Amino acid sequence: ILVNNAGAAGSHKFLGHPDALWDRMLAVN
């Protein structure tokens, strides 16, 4: 049984959105 529950939330306006935040959100979530 596997429950993929790990997650993180981060926010930023889309204009000027930091690539590092984008990468982190996709990696964790």
mmCIF file of all heavy atoms, coordinates in Angstrom:
data_MODEL
# 
_entry.id   MODEL 
# 
loop_
_atom_site.group_PDB 
_atom_site.id 
_atom_site.type_symbol 
_atom_site.label_atom_id 
_atom_site.label_alt_id 
_atom_site.label_comp_id 
_atom_site.label_asym_id 
_atom_site.label_entity_id 
_atom_site.label_seq_id 
_atom_site.pdbx_PDB_ins_code 
_atom_site.Cartn_x 
_atom_site.Cartn_y 
_atom_site.Cartn_z 
_atom_site.occupancy 
_atom_site.B_iso_or_equiv 
_atom_site.pdbx_formal_charge 
_atom_site.auth_seq_id 
_atom_site.auth_comp_id 
_atom_site.auth_asym_id 
_atom_site.auth_atom_id 
_atom_site.pdbx_PDB_model_num 
ATOM 1   N N   . ILE A 1 1  ? 0.870  -1.179 0.000   1.00 0.00 ? 1  ILE A N   1 
ATOM 2   C CA  . ILE A 1 1  ? 0.000  0.000  0.000   1.00 0.00 ? 1  ILE A CA  1 
ATOM 3   C C   . ILE A 1 1  ? 0.905  1.227  0.000   1.00 0.00 ? 1  ILE A C   1 
ATOM 4   O O   . ILE A 1 1  ? 1.807  1.339  0.825   1.00 0.00 ? 1  ILE A O   1 
ATOM 5   C CB  . ILE A 1 1  ? -0.923 0.044  1.239   1.00 0.00 ? 1  ILE A CB  1 
ATOM 6   C CG1 . ILE A 1 1  ? -1.814 -1.200 1.301   1.00 0.00 ? 1  ILE A CG1 1 
ATOM 7   C CG2 . ILE A 1 1  ? -1.771 1.328  1.231   1.00 0.00 ? 1  ILE A CG2 1 
ATOM 8   C CD1 . ILE A 1 1  ? -2.566 -1.339 2.615   1.00 0.00 ? 1  ILE A CD1 1 
ATOM 9   N N   . LEU A 1 2  ? 0.664  2.114  -0.934  1.00 0.00 ? 2  LEU A N   1 
ATOM 10  C CA  . LEU A 1 2  ? 1.438  3.350  -1.021  1.00 0.00 ? 2  LEU A CA  1 
ATOM 11  C C   . LEU A 1 2  ? 0.487  4.531  -0.999  1.00 0.00 ? 2  LEU A C   1 
ATOM 12  O O   . LEU A 1 2  ? -0.482 4.577  -1.758  1.00 0.00 ? 2  LEU A O   1 
ATOM 13  C CB  . LEU A 1 2  ? 2.255  3.380  -2.325  1.00 0.00 ? 2  LEU A CB  1 
ATOM 14  C CG  . LEU A 1 2  ? 2.924  4.710  -2.678  1.00 0.00 ? 2  LEU A CG  1 
ATOM 15  C CD1 . LEU A 1 2  ? 3.911  5.156  -1.595  1.00 0.00 ? 2  LEU A CD1 1 
ATOM 16  C CD2 . LEU A 1 2  ? 3.602  4.616  -4.035  1.00 0.00 ? 2  LEU A CD2 1 
ATOM 17  N N   . VAL A 1 3  ? 0.789  5.474  -0.122  1.00 0.00 ? 3  VAL A N   1 
ATOM 18  C CA  . VAL A 1 3  ? 0.048  6.732  -0.094  1.00 0.00 ? 3  VAL A CA  1 
ATOM 19  C C   . VAL A 1 3  ? 1.048  7.847  -0.411  1.00 0.00 ? 3  VAL A C   1 
ATOM 20  O O   . VAL A 1 3  ? 1.896  8.186  0.412   1.00 0.00 ? 3  VAL A O   1 
ATOM 21  C CB  . VAL A 1 3  ? -0.636 6.987  1.273   1.00 0.00 ? 3  VAL A CB  1 
ATOM 22  C CG1 . VAL A 1 3  ? -1.408 8.312  1.230   1.00 0.00 ? 3  VAL A CG1 1 
ATOM 23  C CG2 . VAL A 1 3  ? -1.555 5.835  1.643   1.00 0.00 ? 3  VAL A CG2 1 
ATOM 24  N N   . ASN A 1 4  ? 0.957  8.367  -1.622  1.00 0.00 ? 4  ASN A N   1 
ATOM 25  C CA  . ASN A 1 4  ? 1.783  9.499  -2.046  1.00 0.00 ? 4  ASN A CA  1 
ATOM 26  C C   . ASN A 1 4  ? 1.104  10.772 -1.554  1.00 0.00 ? 4  ASN A C   1 
ATOM 27  O O   . ASN A 1 4  ? 0.202  11.302 -2.192  1.00 0.00 ? 4  ASN A O   1 
ATOM 28  C CB  . ASN A 1 4  ? 1.912  9.533  -3.572  1.00 0.00 ? 4  ASN A CB  1 
ATOM 29  C CG  . ASN A 1 4  ? 2.891  8.525  -4.101  1.00 0.00 ? 4  ASN A CG  1 
ATOM 30  O OD1 . ASN A 1 4  ? 4.030  8.476  -3.670  1.00 0.00 ? 4  ASN A OD1 1 
ATOM 31  N ND2 . ASN A 1 4  ? 2.439  7.710  -5.040  1.00 0.00 ? 4  ASN A ND2 1 
ATOM 32  N N   . ASN A 1 5  ? 1.549  11.232 -0.386  1.00 0.00 ? 5  ASN A N   1 
ATOM 33  C CA  . ASN A 1 5  ? 0.915  12.370 0.255   1.00 0.00 ? 5  ASN A CA  1 
ATOM 34  C C   . ASN A 1 5  ? 1.861  13.562 0.411   1.00 0.00 ? 5  ASN A C   1 
ATOM 35  O O   . ASN A 1 5  ? 1.396  14.667 0.645   1.00 0.00 ? 5  ASN A O   1 
ATOM 36  C CB  . ASN A 1 5  ? 0.386  11.943 1.639   1.00 0.00 ? 5  ASN A CB  1 
ATOM 37  C CG  . ASN A 1 5  ? -0.097 13.117 2.441   1.00 0.00 ? 5  ASN A CG  1 
ATOM 38  O OD1 . ASN A 1 5  ? -1.113 13.717 2.135   1.00 0.00 ? 5  ASN A OD1 1 
ATOM 39  N ND2 . ASN A 1 5  ? 0.656  13.479 3.468   1.00 0.00 ? 5  ASN A ND2 1 
ATOM 40  N N   . ALA A 1 6  ? 3.150  13.372 0.264   1.00 0.00 ? 6  ALA A N   1 
ATOM 41  C CA  . ALA A 1 6  ? 4.098  14.469 0.465   1.00 0.00 ? 6  ALA A CA  1 
ATOM 42  C C   . ALA A 1 6  ? 3.715  15.647 -0.423  1.00 0.00 ? 6  ALA A C   1 
ATOM 43  O O   . ALA A 1 6  ? 3.325  15.470 -1.575  1.00 0.00 ? 6  ALA A O   1 
ATOM 44  C CB  . ALA A 1 6  ? 5.520  14.018 0.148   1.00 0.00 ? 6  ALA A CB  1 
ATOM 45  N N   . GLY A 1 7  ? 3.818  16.832 0.128   1.00 0.00 ? 7  GLY A N   1 
ATOM 46  C CA  . GLY A 1 7  ? 3.478  18.009 -0.649  1.00 0.00 ? 7  GLY A CA  1 
ATOM 47  C C   . GLY A 1 7  ? 4.014  19.269 -0.012  1.00 0.00 ? 7  GLY A C   1 
ATOM 48  O O   . GLY A 1 7  ? 4.378  19.288 1.162   1.00 0.00 ? 7  GLY A O   1 
ATOM 49  N N   . ALA A 1 8  ? 4.066  20.292 -0.820  1.00 0.00 ? 8  ALA A N   1 
ATOM 50  C CA  . ALA A 1 8  ? 4.490  21.609 -0.352  1.00 0.00 ? 8  ALA A CA  1 
ATOM 51  C C   . ALA A 1 8  ? 3.740  22.650 -1.158  1.00 0.00 ? 8  ALA A C   1 
ATOM 52  O O   . ALA A 1 8  ? 3.372  22.400 -2.307  1.00 0.00 ? 8  ALA A O   1 
ATOM 53  C CB  . ALA A 1 8  ? 5.995  21.784 -0.539  1.00 0.00 ? 8  ALA A CB  1 
ATOM 54  N N   . ALA A 1 9  ? 3.506  23.781 -0.542  1.00 0.00 ? 9  ALA A N   1 
ATOM 55  C CA  . ALA A 1 9  ? 2.822  24.868 -1.238  1.00 0.00 ? 9  ALA A CA  1 
ATOM 56  C C   . ALA A 1 9  ? 3.728  26.083 -1.274  1.00 0.00 ? 9  ALA A C   1 
ATOM 57  O O   . ALA A 1 9  ? 4.446  26.364 -0.317  1.00 0.00 ? 9  ALA A O   1 
ATOM 58  C CB  . ALA A 1 9  ? 1.511  25.195 -0.534  1.00 0.00 ? 9  ALA A CB  1 
ATOM 59  N N   . GLY A 1 10 ? 3.714  26.748 -2.372  1.00 0.00 ? 10 GLY A N   1 
ATOM 60  C CA  . GLY A 1 10 ? 4.471  27.984 -2.517  1.00 0.00 ? 10 GLY A CA  1 
ATOM 61  C C   . GLY A 1 10 ? 3.705  28.887 -3.467  1.00 0.00 ? 10 GLY A C   1 
ATOM 62  O O   . GLY A 1 10 ? 3.024  28.399 -4.373  1.00 0.00 ? 10 GLY A O   1 
ATOM 63  N N   . SER A 1 11 ? 3.801  30.169 -3.260  1.00 0.00 ? 11 SER A N   1 
ATOM 64  C CA  . SER A 1 11 ? 3.030  31.070 -4.104  1.00 0.00 ? 11 SER A CA  1 
ATOM 65  C C   . SER A 1 11 ? 3.868  32.252 -4.573  1.00 0.00 ? 11 SER A C   1 
ATOM 66  O O   . SER A 1 11 ? 4.824  32.664 -3.911  1.00 0.00 ? 11 SER A O   1 
ATOM 67  C CB  . SER A 1 11 ? 1.801  31.572 -3.339  1.00 0.00 ? 11 SER A CB  1 
ATOM 68  O OG  . SER A 1 11 ? 2.196  32.319 -2.210  1.00 0.00 ? 11 SER A OG  1 
ATOM 69  N N   . HIS A 1 12 ? 3.473  32.744 -5.725  1.00 0.00 ? 12 HIS A N   1 
ATOM 70  C CA  . HIS A 1 12 ? 4.130  33.920 -6.302  1.00 0.00 ? 12 HIS A CA  1 
ATOM 71  C C   . HIS A 1 12 ? 3.291  34.376 -7.479  1.00 0.00 ? 12 HIS A C   1 
ATOM 72  O O   . HIS A 1 12 ? 2.644  33.555 -8.133  1.00 0.00 ? 12 HIS A O   1 
ATOM 73  C CB  . HIS A 1 12 ? 5.542  33.571 -6.779  1.00 0.00 ? 12 HIS A CB  1 
ATOM 74  C CG  . HIS A 1 12 ? 6.417  34.764 -6.952  1.00 0.00 ? 12 HIS A CG  1 
ATOM 75  N ND1 . HIS A 1 12 ? 6.337  35.600 -8.036  1.00 0.00 ? 12 HIS A ND1 1 
ATOM 76  C CD2 . HIS A 1 12 ? 7.379  35.269 -6.163  1.00 0.00 ? 12 HIS A CD2 1 
ATOM 77  C CE1 . HIS A 1 12 ? 7.235  36.568 -7.910  1.00 0.00 ? 12 HIS A CE1 1 
ATOM 78  N NE2 . HIS A 1 12 ? 7.871  36.389 -6.772  1.00 0.00 ? 12 HIS A NE2 1 
ATOM 79  N N   . LYS A 1 13 ? 3.306  35.661 -7.775  1.00 0.00 ? 13 LYS A N   1 
ATOM 80  C CA  . LYS A 1 13 ? 2.660  36.142 -8.990  1.00 0.00 ? 13 LYS A CA  1 
ATOM 81  C C   . LYS A 1 13 ? 3.295  35.429 -10.184 1.00 0.00 ? 13 LYS A C   1 
ATOM 82  O O   . LYS A 1 13 ? 4.494  35.128 -10.172 1.00 0.00 ? 13 LYS A O   1 
ATOM 83  C CB  . LYS A 1 13 ? 2.863  37.650 -9.148  1.00 0.00 ? 13 LYS A CB  1 
ATOM 84  C CG  . LYS A 1 13 ? 2.101  38.470 -8.161  1.00 0.00 ? 13 LYS A CG  1 
ATOM 85  C CD  . LYS A 1 13 ? 2.343  39.947 -8.423  1.00 0.00 ? 13 LYS A CD  1 
ATOM 86  C CE  . LYS A 1 13 ? 1.595  40.785 -7.422  1.00 0.00 ? 13 LYS A CE  1 
ATOM 87  N NZ  . LYS A 1 13 ? 1.819  42.214 -7.655  1.00 0.00 ? 13 LYS A NZ  1 
ATOM 88  N N   . PHE A 1 14 ? 2.501  35.164 -11.205 1.00 0.00 ? 14 PHE A N   1 
ATOM 89  C CA  . PHE A 1 14 ? 3.043  34.456 -12.358 1.00 0.00 ? 14 PHE A CA  1 
ATOM 90  C C   . PHE A 1 14 ? 4.114  35.288 -13.062 1.00 0.00 ? 14 PHE A C   1 
ATOM 91  O O   . PHE A 1 14 ? 5.172  34.764 -13.405 1.00 0.00 ? 14 PHE A O   1 
ATOM 92  C CB  . PHE A 1 14 ? 1.933  34.060 -13.341 1.00 0.00 ? 14 PHE A CB  1 
ATOM 93  C CG  . PHE A 1 14 ? 2.452  33.162 -14.422 1.00 0.00 ? 14 PHE A CG  1 
ATOM 94  C CD1 . PHE A 1 14 ? 2.732  31.829 -14.150 1.00 0.00 ? 14 PHE A CD1 1 
ATOM 95  C CD2 . PHE A 1 14 ? 2.694  33.637 -15.690 1.00 0.00 ? 14 PHE A CD2 1 
ATOM 96  C CE1 . PHE A 1 14 ? 3.233  30.990 -15.129 1.00 0.00 ? 14 PHE A CE1 1 
ATOM 97  C CE2 . PHE A 1 14 ? 3.194  32.813 -16.684 1.00 0.00 ? 14 PHE A CE2 1 
ATOM 98  C CZ  . PHE A 1 14 ? 3.459  31.478 -16.397 1.00 0.00 ? 14 PHE A CZ  1 
ATOM 99  N N   . LEU A 1 15 ? 3.849  36.574 -13.226 1.00 0.00 ? 15 LEU A N   1 
ATOM 100 C CA  . LEU A 1 15 ? 4.887  37.427 -13.814 1.00 0.00 ? 15 LEU A CA  1 
ATOM 101 C C   . LEU A 1 15 ? 6.020  37.544 -12.809 1.00 0.00 ? 15 LEU A C   1 
ATOM 102 O O   . LEU A 1 15 ? 5.803  37.896 -11.649 1.00 0.00 ? 15 LEU A O   1 
ATOM 103 C CB  . LEU A 1 15 ? 4.335  38.805 -14.158 1.00 0.00 ? 15 LEU A CB  1 
ATOM 104 C CG  . LEU A 1 15 ? 3.372  38.832 -15.344 1.00 0.00 ? 15 LEU A CG  1 
ATOM 105 C CD1 . LEU A 1 15 ? 2.797  40.231 -15.533 1.00 0.00 ? 15 LEU A CD1 1 
ATOM 106 C CD2 . LEU A 1 15 ? 4.075  38.380 -16.612 1.00 0.00 ? 15 LEU A CD2 1 
ATOM 107 N N   . GLY A 1 16 ? 7.197  37.203 -13.218 1.00 0.00 ? 16 GLY A N   1 
ATOM 108 C CA  . GLY A 1 16 ? 8.342  37.236 -12.318 1.00 0.00 ? 16 GLY A CA  1 
ATOM 109 C C   . GLY A 1 16 ? 8.454  35.996 -11.440 1.00 0.00 ? 16 GLY A C   1 
ATOM 110 O O   . GLY A 1 16 ? 9.246  35.960 -10.498 1.00 0.00 ? 16 GLY A O   1 
ATOM 111 N N   . HIS A 1 17 ? 7.652  34.983 -11.741 1.00 0.00 ? 17 HIS A N   1 
ATOM 112 C CA  . HIS A 1 17 ? 7.663  33.730 -10.945 1.00 0.00 ? 17 HIS A CA  1 
ATOM 113 C C   . HIS A 1 17 ? 9.071  33.124 -10.982 1.00 0.00 ? 17 HIS A C   1 
ATOM 114 O O   . HIS A 1 17 ? 9.621  32.884 -12.045 1.00 0.00 ? 17 HIS A O   1 
ATOM 115 C CB  . HIS A 1 17 ? 6.656  32.742 -11.539 1.00 0.00 ? 17 HIS A CB  1 
ATOM 116 C CG  . HIS A 1 17 ? 6.313  31.608 -10.645 1.00 0.00 ? 17 HIS A CG  1 
ATOM 117 N ND1 . HIS A 1 17 ? 7.163  30.569 -10.387 1.00 0.00 ? 17 HIS A ND1 1 
ATOM 118 C CD2 . HIS A 1 17 ? 5.182  31.347 -9.950  1.00 0.00 ? 17 HIS A CD2 1 
ATOM 119 C CE1 . HIS A 1 17 ? 6.577  29.713 -9.574  1.00 0.00 ? 17 HIS A CE1 1 
ATOM 120 N NE2 . HIS A 1 17 ? 5.371  30.156 -9.295  1.00 0.00 ? 17 HIS A NE2 1 
ATOM 121 N N   . PRO A 1 18 ? 9.673  32.873 -9.838  1.00 0.00 ? 18 PRO A N   1 
ATOM 122 C CA  . PRO A 1 18 ? 11.029 32.305 -9.828  1.00 0.00 ? 18 PRO A CA  1 
ATOM 123 C C   . PRO A 1 18 ? 11.040 30.866 -10.358 1.00 0.00 ? 18 PRO A C   1 
ATOM 124 O O   . PRO A 1 18 ? 10.213 30.040 -9.952  1.00 0.00 ? 18 PRO A O   1 
ATOM 125 C CB  . PRO A 1 18 ? 11.418 32.312 -8.350  1.00 0.00 ? 18 PRO A CB  1 
ATOM 126 C CG  . PRO A 1 18 ? 10.406 33.164 -7.655  1.00 0.00 ? 18 PRO A CG  1 
ATOM 127 C CD  . PRO A 1 18 ? 9.184  33.159 -8.500  1.00 0.00 ? 18 PRO A CD  1 
ATOM 128 N N   . ASP A 1 19 ? 11.957 30.580 -11.250 1.00 0.00 ? 19 ASP A N   1 
ATOM 129 C CA  . ASP A 1 19 ? 12.079 29.220 -11.786 1.00 0.00 ? 19 ASP A CA  1 
ATOM 130 C C   . ASP A 1 19 ? 12.346 28.211 -10.676 1.00 0.00 ? 19 ASP A C   1 
ATOM 131 O O   . ASP A 1 19 ? 11.856 27.083 -10.729 1.00 0.00 ? 19 ASP A O   1 
ATOM 132 C CB  . ASP A 1 19 ? 13.201 29.145 -12.826 1.00 0.00 ? 19 ASP A CB  1 
ATOM 133 C CG  . ASP A 1 19 ? 12.853 29.888 -14.110 1.00 0.00 ? 19 ASP A CG  1 
ATOM 134 O OD1 . ASP A 1 19 ? 11.665 30.246 -14.317 1.00 0.00 ? 19 ASP A OD1 1 
ATOM 135 O OD2 . ASP A 1 19 ? 13.784 30.112 -14.918 1.00 0.00 ? 19 ASP A OD2 1 
ATOM 136 N N   . ALA A 1 20 ? 13.112 28.612 -9.679  1.00 0.00 ? 20 ALA A N   1 
ATOM 137 C CA  . ALA A 1 20 ? 13.422 27.690 -8.576  1.00 0.00 ? 20 ALA A CA  1 
ATOM 138 C C   . ALA A 1 20 ? 12.158 27.271 -7.831  1.00 0.00 ? 20 ALA A C   1 
ATOM 139 O O   . ALA A 1 20 ? 12.019 26.109 -7.432  1.00 0.00 ? 20 ALA A O   1 
ATOM 140 C CB  . ALA A 1 20 ? 14.417 28.324 -7.606  1.00 0.00 ? 20 ALA A CB  1 
ATOM 141 N N   . LEU A 1 21 ? 11.206 28.184 -7.653  1.00 0.00 ? 21 LEU A N   1 
ATOM 142 C CA  . LEU A 1 21 ? 9.951  27.852 -6.993  1.00 0.00 ? 21 LEU A CA  1 
ATOM 143 C C   . LEU A 1 21 ? 9.142  26.898 -7.874  1.00 0.00 ? 21 LEU A C   1 
ATOM 144 O O   . LEU A 1 21 ? 8.576  25.921 -7.381  1.00 0.00 ? 21 LEU A O   1 
ATOM 145 C CB  . LEU A 1 21 ? 9.144  29.112 -6.683  1.00 0.00 ? 21 LEU A CB  1 
ATOM 146 C CG  . LEU A 1 21 ? 7.762  28.890 -6.060  1.00 0.00 ? 21 LEU A CG  1 
ATOM 147 C CD1 . LEU A 1 21 ? 7.873  28.130 -4.728  1.00 0.00 ? 21 LEU A CD1 1 
ATOM 148 C CD2 . LEU A 1 21 ? 7.051  30.222 -5.866  1.00 0.00 ? 21 LEU A CD2 1 
ATOM 149 N N   . TRP A 1 22 ? 9.092  27.172 -9.165  1.00 0.00 ? 22 TRP A N   1 
ATOM 150 C CA  . TRP A 1 22 ? 8.398  26.279 -10.103 1.00 0.00 ? 22 TRP A CA  1 
ATOM 151 C C   . TRP A 1 22 ? 8.987  24.865 -10.011 1.00 0.00 ? 22 TRP A C   1 
ATOM 152 O O   . TRP A 1 22 ? 8.255  23.885 -9.858  1.00 0.00 ? 22 TRP A O   1 
ATOM 153 C CB  . TRP A 1 22 ? 8.509  26.823 -11.526 1.00 0.00 ? 22 TRP A CB  1 
ATOM 154 C CG  . TRP A 1 22 ? 7.860  25.947 -12.549 1.00 0.00 ? 22 TRP A CG  1 
ATOM 155 C CD1 . TRP A 1 22 ? 8.436  24.906 -13.232 1.00 0.00 ? 22 TRP A CD1 1 
ATOM 156 C CD2 . TRP A 1 22 ? 6.502  25.993 -12.979 1.00 0.00 ? 22 TRP A CD2 1 
ATOM 157 N NE1 . TRP A 1 22 ? 7.517  24.316 -14.066 1.00 0.00 ? 22 TRP A NE1 1 
ATOM 158 C CE2 . TRP A 1 22 ? 6.321  24.971 -13.925 1.00 0.00 ? 22 TRP A CE2 1 
ATOM 159 C CE3 . TRP A 1 22 ? 5.419  26.802 -12.647 1.00 0.00 ? 22 TRP A CE3 1 
ATOM 160 C CZ2 . TRP A 1 22 ? 5.098  24.733 -14.563 1.00 0.00 ? 22 TRP A CZ2 1 
ATOM 161 C CZ3 . TRP A 1 22 ? 4.203  26.571 -13.286 1.00 0.00 ? 22 TRP A CZ3 1 
ATOM 162 C CH2 . TRP A 1 22 ? 4.052  25.548 -14.221 1.00 0.00 ? 22 TRP A CH2 1 
ATOM 163 N N   . ASP A 1 23 ? 10.302 24.791 -10.084 1.00 0.00 ? 23 ASP A N   1 
ATOM 164 C CA  . ASP A 1 23 ? 10.974 23.487 -10.038 1.00 0.00 ? 23 ASP A CA  1 
ATOM 165 C C   . ASP A 1 23 ? 10.696 22.762 -8.724  1.00 0.00 ? 23 ASP A C   1 
ATOM 166 O O   . ASP A 1 23 ? 10.452 21.549 -8.710  1.00 0.00 ? 23 ASP A O   1 
ATOM 167 C CB  . ASP A 1 23 ? 12.483 23.649 -10.228 1.00 0.00 ? 23 ASP A CB  1 
ATOM 168 C CG  . ASP A 1 23 ? 12.854 24.132 -11.625 1.00 0.00 ? 23 ASP A CG  1 
ATOM 169 O OD1 . ASP A 1 23 ? 12.019 24.027 -12.548 1.00 0.00 ? 23 ASP A OD1 1 
ATOM 170 O OD2 . ASP A 1 23 ? 13.982 24.635 -11.783 1.00 0.00 ? 23 ASP A OD2 1 
ATOM 171 N N   . ARG A 1 24 ? 10.724 23.488 -7.621  1.00 0.00 ? 24 ARG A N   1 
ATOM 172 C CA  . ARG A 1 24 ? 10.500 22.876 -6.302  1.00 0.00 ? 24 ARG A CA  1 
ATOM 173 C C   . ARG A 1 24 ? 9.067  22.353 -6.178  1.00 0.00 ? 24 ARG A C   1 
ATOM 174 O O   . ARG A 1 24 ? 8.844  21.258 -5.672  1.00 0.00 ? 24 ARG A O   1 
ATOM 175 C CB  . ARG A 1 24 ? 10.792 23.900 -5.194  1.00 0.00 ? 24 ARG A CB  1 
ATOM 176 C CG  . ARG A 1 24 ? 10.611 23.355 -3.804  1.00 0.00 ? 24 ARG A CG  1 
ATOM 177 C CD  . ARG A 1 24 ? 11.778 22.497 -3.404  1.00 0.00 ? 24 ARG A CD  1 
ATOM 178 N NE  . ARG A 1 24 ? 11.539 21.938 -2.081  1.00 0.00 ? 24 ARG A NE  1 
ATOM 179 C CZ  . ARG A 1 24 ? 11.938 20.750 -1.690  1.00 0.00 ? 24 ARG A CZ  1 
ATOM 180 N NH1 . ARG A 1 24 ? 12.660 20.009 -2.498  1.00 0.00 ? 24 ARG A NH1 1 
ATOM 181 N NH2 . ARG A 1 24 ? 11.685 20.314 -0.491  1.00 0.00 ? 24 ARG A NH2 1 
ATOM 182 N N   . MET A 1 25 ? 8.095  23.132 -6.634  1.00 0.00 ? 25 MET A N   1 
ATOM 183 C CA  . MET A 1 25 ? 6.696  22.707 -6.537  1.00 0.00 ? 25 MET A CA  1 
ATOM 184 C C   . MET A 1 25 ? 6.446  21.442 -7.360  1.00 0.00 ? 25 MET A C   1 
ATOM 185 O O   . MET A 1 25 ? 5.764  20.530 -6.911  1.00 0.00 ? 25 MET A O   1 
ATOM 186 C CB  . MET A 1 25 ? 5.739  23.824 -6.996  1.00 0.00 ? 25 MET A CB  1 
ATOM 187 C CG  . MET A 1 25 ? 5.661  25.010 -6.057  1.00 0.00 ? 25 MET A CG  1 
ATOM 188 S SD  . MET A 1 25 ? 5.094  24.597 -4.390  1.00 0.00 ? 25 MET A SD  1 
ATOM 189 C CE  . MET A 1 25 ? 6.639  24.380 -3.527  1.00 0.00 ? 25 MET A CE  1 
ATOM 190 N N   . LEU A 1 26 ? 7.031  21.378 -8.555  1.00 0.00 ? 26 LEU A N   1 
ATOM 191 C CA  . LEU A 1 26 ? 6.857  20.175 -9.368  1.00 0.00 ? 26 LEU A CA  1 
ATOM 192 C C   . LEU A 1 26 ? 7.608  18.986 -8.769  1.00 0.00 ? 26 LEU A C   1 
ATOM 193 O O   . LEU A 1 26 ? 7.099  17.862 -8.779  1.00 0.00 ? 26 LEU A O   1 
ATOM 194 C CB  . LEU A 1 26 ? 7.278  20.434 -10.815 1.00 0.00 ? 26 LEU A CB  1 
ATOM 195 C CG  . LEU A 1 26 ? 6.094  21.035 -11.571 1.00 0.00 ? 26 LEU A CG  1 
ATOM 196 C CD1 . LEU A 1 26 ? 6.341  22.459 -11.945 1.00 0.00 ? 26 LEU A CD1 1 
ATOM 197 C CD2 . LEU A 1 26 ? 5.737  20.192 -12.746 1.00 0.00 ? 26 LEU A CD2 1 
ATOM 198 N N   . ALA A 1 27 ? 8.784  19.225 -8.223  1.00 0.00 ? 27 ALA A N   1 
ATOM 199 C CA  . ALA A 1 27 ? 9.570  18.133 -7.637  1.00 0.00 ? 27 ALA A CA  1 
ATOM 200 C C   . ALA A 1 27 ? 8.865  17.515 -6.433  1.00 0.00 ? 27 ALA A C   1 
ATOM 201 O O   . ALA A 1 27 ? 8.736  16.291 -6.332  1.00 0.00 ? 27 ALA A O   1 
ATOM 202 C CB  . ALA A 1 27 ? 10.957 18.635 -7.232  1.00 0.00 ? 27 ALA A CB  1 
ATOM 203 N N   . VAL A 1 28 ? 8.399  18.348 -5.514  1.00 0.00 ? 28 VAL A N   1 
ATOM 204 C CA  . VAL A 1 28 ? 7.776  17.839 -4.289  1.00 0.00 ? 28 VAL A CA  1 
ATOM 205 C C   . VAL A 1 28 ? 6.392  17.267 -4.567  1.00 0.00 ? 28 VAL A C   1 
ATOM 206 O O   . VAL A 1 28 ? 6.047  16.196 -4.066  1.00 0.00 ? 28 VAL A O   1 
ATOM 207 C CB  . VAL A 1 28 ? 7.677  18.950 -3.216  1.00 0.00 ? 28 VAL A CB  1 
ATOM 208 C CG1 . VAL A 1 28 ? 6.870  18.474 -2.017  1.00 0.00 ? 28 VAL A CG1 1 
ATOM 209 C CG2 . VAL A 1 28 ? 9.058  19.407 -2.788  1.00 0.00 ? 28 VAL A CG2 1 
ATOM 210 N N   . ASN A 1 29 ? 5.603  17.966 -5.357  1.00 0.00 ? 29 ASN A N   1 
ATOM 211 C CA  . ASN A 1 29 ? 4.205  17.609 -5.521  1.00 0.00 ? 29 ASN A CA  1 
ATOM 212 C C   . ASN A 1 29 ? 3.912  16.633 -6.652  1.00 0.00 ? 29 ASN A C   1 
ATOM 213 O O   . ASN A 1 29 ? 2.857  15.996 -6.632  1.00 0.00 ? 29 ASN A O   1 
ATOM 214 C CB  . ASN A 1 29 ? 3.363  18.875 -5.722  1.00 0.00 ? 29 ASN A CB  1 
ATOM 215 C CG  . ASN A 1 29 ? 3.363  19.740 -4.490  1.00 0.00 ? 29 ASN A CG  1 
ATOM 216 O OD1 . ASN A 1 29 ? 2.972  19.318 -3.427  1.00 0.00 ? 29 ASN A OD1 1 
ATOM 217 N ND2 . ASN A 1 29 ? 3.840  20.968 -4.633  1.00 0.00 ? 29 ASN A ND2 1 
# 
